[in-house]
Amino acid sequence: MAPRRFTPEEANEALEAVRPLVEQMVGHRRALAEAQERQAAIAQRIAGNGGGMQPSELAEARAGAARAARAVMRCVEKIHAIGAQVKDLDRGLVDFPAQRGDREVLLCWLLGEDEVGYWHGLDEGFAGRRPLPLEP
């Protein structure tokens, strides 16, 4: 099945559902990074001599990281189900497939922006963003 194509207006309408999912995704991603750092610190202590550690600490850290990873994936899956593409988990960068004449492009939105106001070619990425409109 071909990916959904959005007009700028449709992408902005989709932001009503996408924005809260991206906010959650970024929060869960932050929690995942913190859990992974905690897990690494515990592993380093264990590699030393493990003194003063409770046996459950590493298991709790692993479980926290796994929960956060699942939460990130649930958000990503919901965003993809809408037809958008997650490009950066940490910053909340999302693209919406679109058409510019006979060329496929991506409408680009970053968490914190009020609306979808940029686009870029498939191979250009965030650095190649140009302001809308899409007219050729």
N, C-alpha and C. Protein backbone atom coordinates (compact mmCIF):
# COMPACT_ATOMS: atom_id res chain seq x y z
N MET A 1 0.84 -1.18 0.00
CA MET A 1 0.00 0.00 0.00
C MET A 1 0.89 1.25 0.00
N ALA A 2 0.56 2.20 -0.84
CA ALA A 2 1.33 3.44 -0.94
C ALA A 2 1.13 4.28 0.32
N PRO A 3 2.19 4.98 0.76
CA PRO A 3 2.03 5.82 1.94
C PRO A 3 1.05 6.96 1.69
N ARG A 4 0.40 7.38 2.72
CA ARG A 4 -0.53 8.50 2.62
C ARG A 4 0.25 9.75 2.23
N ARG A 5 -0.35 10.56 1.39
CA ARG A 5 0.21 11.85 1.01
C ARG A 5 -0.63 12.95 1.67
N PHE A 6 0.03 13.92 2.25
CA PHE A 6 -0.63 15.02 2.95
C PHE A 6 -0.49 16.31 2.16
N THR A 7 -1.52 17.11 2.18
CA THR A 7 -1.38 18.50 1.78
C THR A 7 -0.91 19.24 3.04
N PRO A 8 -0.39 20.45 2.91
CA PRO A 8 -0.02 21.19 4.12
C PRO A 8 -1.20 21.36 5.08
N GLU A 9 -2.38 21.58 4.53
CA GLU A 9 -3.57 21.74 5.37
C GLU A 9 -3.89 20.45 6.13
N GLU A 10 -3.79 19.31 5.44
CA GLU A 10 -4.05 18.02 6.09
C GLU A 10 -2.99 17.71 7.15
N ALA A 11 -1.73 18.07 6.88
CA ALA A 11 -0.67 17.84 7.86
C ALA A 11 -0.93 18.67 9.11
N ASN A 12 -1.35 19.91 8.93
CA ASN A 12 -1.65 20.75 10.09
C ASN A 12 -2.86 20.23 10.86
N GLU A 13 -3.84 19.69 10.17
CA GLU A 13 -4.98 19.08 10.86
C GLU A 13 -4.52 17.85 11.64
N ALA A 14 -3.62 17.07 11.06
CA ALA A 14 -3.11 15.86 11.72
C ALA A 14 -2.31 16.20 12.97
N LEU A 15 -1.78 17.42 13.05
CA LEU A 15 -1.01 17.81 14.23
C LEU A 15 -1.83 17.73 15.51
N GLU A 16 -3.15 17.86 15.40
CA GLU A 16 -3.99 17.74 16.59
C GLU A 16 -3.78 16.40 17.27
N ALA A 17 -3.60 15.35 16.49
CA ALA A 17 -3.34 14.02 17.04
C ALA A 17 -1.84 13.76 17.21
N VAL A 18 -1.03 14.28 16.30
CA VAL A 18 0.41 13.99 16.31
C VAL A 18 1.13 14.72 17.43
N ARG A 19 0.80 15.99 17.66
CA ARG A 19 1.53 16.80 18.65
C ARG A 19 1.56 16.13 20.04
N PRO A 20 0.40 15.73 20.61
CA PRO A 20 0.49 15.11 21.94
C PRO A 20 1.26 13.79 21.94
N LEU A 21 1.18 13.04 20.85
CA LEU A 21 1.94 11.80 20.76
C LEU A 21 3.44 12.08 20.73
N VAL A 22 3.84 13.12 20.01
CA VAL A 22 5.26 13.49 19.94
C VAL A 22 5.73 13.99 21.30
N GLU A 23 4.91 14.78 21.98
CA GLU A 23 5.27 15.24 23.32
C GLU A 23 5.51 14.05 24.25
N GLN A 24 4.61 13.08 24.20
CA GLN A 24 4.77 11.87 25.02
C GLN A 24 6.01 11.10 24.61
N MET A 25 6.21 10.94 23.30
CA MET A 25 7.36 10.19 22.79
C MET A 25 8.67 10.80 23.29
N VAL A 26 8.80 12.12 23.19
CA VAL A 26 10.02 12.79 23.63
C VAL A 26 10.21 12.60 25.14
N GLY A 27 9.14 12.69 25.90
CA GLY A 27 9.24 12.46 27.34
C GLY A 27 9.67 11.04 27.67
N HIS A 28 9.07 10.07 26.98
CA HIS A 28 9.45 8.67 27.20
C HIS A 28 10.89 8.42 26.75
N ARG A 29 11.31 9.06 25.68
CA ARG A 29 12.68 8.91 25.19
C ARG A 29 13.67 9.45 26.22
N ARG A 30 13.32 10.58 26.83
CA ARG A 30 14.16 11.15 27.89
C ARG A 30 14.25 10.17 29.07
N ALA A 31 13.11 9.60 29.45
CA ALA A 31 13.08 8.62 30.54
C ALA A 31 13.92 7.39 30.18
N LEU A 32 13.86 6.98 28.94
CA LEU A 32 14.66 5.84 28.49
C LEU A 32 16.15 6.14 28.61
N ALA A 33 16.56 7.32 28.17
CA ALA A 33 17.98 7.69 28.26
C ALA A 33 18.44 7.71 29.72
N GLU A 34 17.61 8.25 30.60
CA GLU A 34 17.96 8.28 32.02
C GLU A 34 18.05 6.86 32.59
N ALA A 35 17.11 6.00 32.21
CA ALA A 35 17.13 4.61 32.69
C ALA A 35 18.36 3.88 32.17
N GLN A 36 18.75 4.15 30.94
CA GLN A 36 19.93 3.50 30.38
C GLN A 36 21.21 3.99 31.08
N GLU A 37 21.25 5.28 31.41
CA GLU A 37 22.39 5.81 32.16
C GLU A 37 22.47 5.17 33.53
N ARG A 38 21.33 5.03 34.19
CA ARG A 38 21.29 4.39 35.51
C ARG A 38 21.76 2.94 35.40
N GLN A 39 21.29 2.25 34.39
CA GLN A 39 21.67 0.85 34.17
C GLN A 39 23.19 0.74 33.95
N ALA A 40 23.75 1.64 33.17
CA ALA A 40 25.19 1.63 32.91
C ALA A 40 25.98 1.91 34.18
N ALA A 41 25.49 2.84 35.00
CA ALA A 41 26.17 3.15 36.26
C ALA A 41 26.15 1.95 37.19
N ILE A 42 25.04 1.26 37.25
CA ILE A 42 24.93 0.06 38.10
C ILE A 42 25.87 -1.03 37.59
N ALA A 43 25.90 -1.22 36.28
CA ALA A 43 26.78 -2.23 35.69
C ALA A 43 28.23 -1.91 35.99
N GLN A 44 28.58 -0.63 35.98
CA GLN A 44 29.95 -0.23 36.28
C GLN A 44 30.28 -0.52 37.75
N ARG A 45 29.32 -0.25 38.64
CA ARG A 45 29.54 -0.57 40.06
C ARG A 45 29.71 -2.07 40.26
N ILE A 46 28.91 -2.86 39.55
CA ILE A 46 29.02 -4.31 39.65
C ILE A 46 30.39 -4.78 39.17
N ALA A 47 30.86 -4.17 38.08
CA ALA A 47 32.17 -4.55 37.54
C ALA A 47 33.29 -4.21 38.52
N GLY A 48 33.06 -3.18 39.33
CA GLY A 48 34.04 -2.83 40.37
C GLY A 48 34.04 -3.93 41.40
N ASN A 49 33.18 -3.80 42.41
CA ASN A 49 33.07 -4.88 43.38
C ASN A 49 31.63 -5.08 43.84
N GLY A 50 30.73 -4.22 43.33
CA GLY A 50 29.31 -4.39 43.66
C GLY A 50 28.97 -4.08 45.10
N GLY A 51 29.90 -3.50 45.83
CA GLY A 51 29.68 -3.23 47.25
C GLY A 51 28.48 -2.35 47.52
N GLY A 52 27.68 -2.75 48.49
CA GLY A 52 26.54 -1.96 48.93
C GLY A 52 25.36 -1.99 47.99
N MET A 53 25.37 -2.86 47.03
CA MET A 53 24.26 -2.92 46.06
C MET A 53 23.24 -3.96 46.48
N GLN A 54 22.01 -3.62 46.23
CA GLN A 54 20.93 -4.57 46.39
C GLN A 54 20.83 -5.39 45.11
N PRO A 55 20.61 -6.69 45.20
CA PRO A 55 20.54 -7.53 44.00
C PRO A 55 19.45 -7.08 43.01
N SER A 56 18.44 -6.43 43.52
CA SER A 56 17.32 -6.05 42.65
C SER A 56 17.58 -4.76 41.87
N GLU A 57 18.63 -4.01 42.21
CA GLU A 57 18.87 -2.71 41.56
C GLU A 57 19.01 -2.82 40.05
N LEU A 58 19.83 -3.77 39.59
CA LEU A 58 20.04 -3.92 38.15
C LEU A 58 18.76 -4.37 37.46
N ALA A 59 18.04 -5.30 38.07
CA ALA A 59 16.78 -5.77 37.48
C ALA A 59 15.77 -4.63 37.39
N GLU A 60 15.71 -3.78 38.41
CA GLU A 60 14.79 -2.64 38.38
C GLU A 60 15.18 -1.65 37.29
N ALA A 61 16.48 -1.41 37.14
CA ALA A 61 16.95 -0.49 36.10
C ALA A 61 16.63 -1.04 34.71
N ARG A 62 16.84 -2.33 34.52
CA ARG A 62 16.52 -2.95 33.22
C ARG A 62 15.02 -2.87 32.94
N ALA A 63 14.21 -3.13 33.95
CA ALA A 63 12.76 -3.08 33.78
C ALA A 63 12.30 -1.66 33.44
N GLY A 64 12.89 -0.67 34.10
CA GLY A 64 12.55 0.73 33.80
C GLY A 64 12.89 1.11 32.38
N ALA A 65 14.06 0.66 31.92
CA ALA A 65 14.47 0.95 30.54
C ALA A 65 13.55 0.25 29.55
N ALA A 66 13.17 -0.98 29.85
CA ALA A 66 12.27 -1.72 28.96
C ALA A 66 10.89 -1.06 28.89
N ARG A 67 10.38 -0.60 30.03
CA ARG A 67 9.08 0.10 30.04
C ARG A 67 9.13 1.37 29.21
N ALA A 68 10.19 2.14 29.38
CA ALA A 68 10.32 3.39 28.63
C ALA A 68 10.46 3.11 27.14
N ALA A 69 11.21 2.08 26.77
CA ALA A 69 11.37 1.73 25.35
C ALA A 69 10.04 1.32 24.74
N ARG A 70 9.25 0.54 25.47
CA ARG A 70 7.93 0.15 24.96
C ARG A 70 7.03 1.37 24.80
N ALA A 71 7.10 2.30 25.73
CA ALA A 71 6.27 3.51 25.64
C ALA A 71 6.67 4.35 24.43
N VAL A 72 7.96 4.46 24.17
CA VAL A 72 8.43 5.19 22.97
C VAL A 72 7.87 4.51 21.73
N MET A 73 7.98 3.19 21.65
CA MET A 73 7.52 2.46 20.47
C MET A 73 6.02 2.58 20.27
N ARG A 74 5.25 2.58 21.34
CA ARG A 74 3.80 2.76 21.20
C ARG A 74 3.48 4.11 20.57
N CYS A 75 4.17 5.16 21.00
CA CYS A 75 3.96 6.48 20.42
C CYS A 75 4.35 6.50 18.95
N VAL A 76 5.50 5.93 18.62
CA VAL A 76 5.97 5.89 17.23
C VAL A 76 4.96 5.14 16.36
N GLU A 77 4.49 4.01 16.84
CA GLU A 77 3.52 3.23 16.06
C GLU A 77 2.24 4.03 15.81
N LYS A 78 1.77 4.76 16.80
CA LYS A 78 0.55 5.57 16.63
C LYS A 78 0.78 6.70 15.63
N ILE A 79 1.95 7.32 15.68
CA ILE A 79 2.28 8.39 14.74
C ILE A 79 2.36 7.81 13.32
N HIS A 80 2.99 6.67 13.17
CA HIS A 80 3.09 6.03 11.85
C HIS A 80 1.71 5.62 11.34
N ALA A 81 0.83 5.19 12.23
CA ALA A 81 -0.53 4.80 11.83
C ALA A 81 -1.29 5.98 11.25
N ILE A 82 -0.98 7.18 11.69
CA ILE A 82 -1.61 8.40 11.16
C ILE A 82 -1.08 8.69 9.76
N GLY A 83 0.12 8.20 9.46
CA GLY A 83 0.73 8.42 8.15
C GLY A 83 1.98 9.28 8.20
N ALA A 84 2.33 9.77 9.38
CA ALA A 84 3.53 10.59 9.54
C ALA A 84 4.73 9.70 9.82
N GLN A 85 5.92 10.27 9.68
CA GLN A 85 7.17 9.52 9.88
C GLN A 85 8.00 10.19 10.98
N VAL A 86 8.36 9.43 11.99
CA VAL A 86 9.22 9.96 13.05
C VAL A 86 10.65 9.96 12.55
N LYS A 87 11.30 11.11 12.63
CA LYS A 87 12.68 11.24 12.15
C LYS A 87 13.69 11.44 13.28
N ASP A 88 13.27 12.00 14.41
CA ASP A 88 14.18 12.21 15.54
C ASP A 88 13.40 12.06 16.84
N LEU A 89 13.71 11.00 17.59
CA LEU A 89 13.00 10.71 18.84
C LEU A 89 13.30 11.74 19.92
N ASP A 90 14.51 12.27 19.95
CA ASP A 90 14.91 13.19 21.00
C ASP A 90 14.35 14.59 20.82
N ARG A 91 14.34 15.06 19.58
CA ARG A 91 13.86 16.43 19.32
C ARG A 91 12.40 16.49 18.95
N GLY A 92 11.81 15.35 18.58
CA GLY A 92 10.41 15.36 18.16
C GLY A 92 10.25 15.86 16.73
N LEU A 93 11.07 15.35 15.84
CA LEU A 93 11.01 15.74 14.43
C LEU A 93 10.16 14.73 13.68
N VAL A 94 9.17 15.24 12.95
CA VAL A 94 8.22 14.39 12.23
C VAL A 94 8.05 14.93 10.81
N ASP A 95 8.00 14.01 9.85
CA ASP A 95 7.75 14.37 8.46
C ASP A 95 6.42 13.78 8.00
N PHE A 96 5.79 14.47 7.08
CA PHE A 96 4.54 14.04 6.47
C PHE A 96 4.78 13.91 4.97
N PRO A 97 4.64 12.71 4.40
CA PRO A 97 4.83 12.56 2.96
C PRO A 97 3.87 13.47 2.18
N ALA A 98 4.38 14.06 1.11
CA ALA A 98 3.58 14.98 0.30
C ALA A 98 4.06 14.90 -1.15
N GLN A 99 3.37 15.64 -1.99
CA GLN A 99 3.68 15.69 -3.41
C GLN A 99 3.91 17.14 -3.81
N ARG A 100 4.97 17.39 -4.55
CA ARG A 100 5.24 18.72 -5.11
C ARG A 100 5.40 18.52 -6.60
N GLY A 101 4.35 18.80 -7.35
CA GLY A 101 4.34 18.49 -8.77
C GLY A 101 4.40 16.98 -8.93
N ASP A 102 5.40 16.48 -9.66
CA ASP A 102 5.53 15.03 -9.82
C ASP A 102 6.61 14.46 -8.89
N ARG A 103 7.04 15.25 -7.94
CA ARG A 103 8.13 14.87 -7.04
C ARG A 103 7.60 14.59 -5.63
N GLU A 104 8.08 13.49 -5.04
CA GLU A 104 7.75 13.21 -3.64
C GLU A 104 8.61 14.10 -2.75
N VAL A 105 7.98 14.70 -1.75
CA VAL A 105 8.69 15.53 -0.78
C VAL A 105 8.14 15.21 0.61
N LEU A 106 8.72 15.84 1.61
CA LEU A 106 8.27 15.65 2.98
C LEU A 106 7.96 17.01 3.60
N LEU A 107 6.78 17.11 4.19
CA LEU A 107 6.44 18.27 4.99
C LEU A 107 7.06 18.05 6.35
N CYS A 108 7.71 19.04 6.89
CA CYS A 108 8.57 18.86 8.06
C CYS A 108 8.03 19.67 9.24
N TRP A 109 7.95 19.01 10.40
CA TRP A 109 7.50 19.68 11.64
C TRP A 109 8.38 19.23 12.80
N LEU A 110 8.72 20.19 13.65
CA LEU A 110 9.54 19.95 14.82
C LEU A 110 8.75 20.36 16.06
N LEU A 111 8.75 19.52 17.08
CA LEU A 111 8.06 19.82 18.32
C LEU A 111 8.44 21.23 18.77
N GLY A 112 7.43 22.01 19.11
CA GLY A 112 7.64 23.40 19.50
C GLY A 112 7.21 24.38 18.43
N GLU A 113 7.13 23.91 17.19
CA GLU A 113 6.64 24.77 16.11
C GLU A 113 5.12 24.77 16.15
N ASP A 114 4.53 25.91 15.83
CA ASP A 114 3.07 26.05 15.88
C ASP A 114 2.36 25.25 14.81
N GLU A 115 3.00 25.13 13.65
CA GLU A 115 2.35 24.45 12.53
C GLU A 115 3.40 23.84 11.62
N VAL A 116 2.93 23.02 10.68
CA VAL A 116 3.80 22.49 9.64
C VAL A 116 4.04 23.63 8.67
N GLY A 117 5.25 24.13 8.65
CA GLY A 117 5.54 25.30 7.84
C GLY A 117 6.70 25.13 6.89
N TYR A 118 7.25 23.91 6.81
CA TYR A 118 8.43 23.66 5.99
C TYR A 118 8.29 22.37 5.21
N TRP A 119 9.11 22.24 4.19
CA TRP A 119 9.19 21.01 3.40
C TRP A 119 10.63 20.81 2.95
N HIS A 120 10.94 19.58 2.54
CA HIS A 120 12.26 19.28 1.97
C HIS A 120 12.14 18.05 1.10
N GLY A 121 13.12 17.87 0.22
CA GLY A 121 13.16 16.69 -0.62
C GLY A 121 13.47 15.44 0.20
N LEU A 122 13.25 14.29 -0.39
CA LEU A 122 13.45 13.03 0.33
C LEU A 122 14.89 12.85 0.81
N ASP A 123 15.86 13.35 0.06
CA ASP A 123 17.27 13.16 0.41
C ASP A 123 17.90 14.37 1.09
N GLU A 124 17.12 15.40 1.35
CA GLU A 124 17.71 16.63 1.89
C GLU A 124 17.68 16.70 3.41
N GLY A 125 16.69 16.13 4.05
CA GLY A 125 16.62 16.15 5.50
C GLY A 125 16.37 17.52 6.08
N PHE A 126 16.47 17.59 7.40
CA PHE A 126 16.14 18.81 8.15
C PHE A 126 16.95 20.01 7.67
N ALA A 127 18.21 19.81 7.36
CA ALA A 127 19.08 20.91 6.93
C ALA A 127 18.59 21.53 5.62
N GLY A 128 17.84 20.77 4.82
CA GLY A 128 17.35 21.28 3.54
C GLY A 128 15.95 21.85 3.58
N ARG A 129 15.44 22.10 4.80
CA ARG A 129 14.07 22.61 4.92
C ARG A 129 13.90 23.96 4.23
N ARG A 130 12.75 24.07 3.56
CA ARG A 130 12.36 25.33 2.91
C ARG A 130 10.97 25.70 3.38
N PRO A 131 10.69 26.98 3.51
CA PRO A 131 9.35 27.36 3.95
C PRO A 131 8.29 27.01 2.92
N LEU A 132 7.10 26.68 3.42
CA LEU A 132 5.96 26.47 2.53
C LEU A 132 5.61 27.81 1.91
N PRO A 133 4.97 27.85 0.77
CA PRO A 133 4.15 26.84 0.13
C PRO A 133 4.97 25.89 -0.74
N LEU A 134 4.28 24.87 -1.21
CA LEU A 134 4.89 23.80 -2.00
C LEU A 134 4.89 24.07 -3.50
N GLU A 135 4.24 25.11 -3.95
CA GLU A 135 4.09 25.30 -5.40
C GLU A 135 5.42 25.14 -6.11
N PRO A 136 5.40 24.39 -7.22
CA PRO A 136 6.64 24.15 -8.00
C PRO A 136 7.17 25.41 -8.65
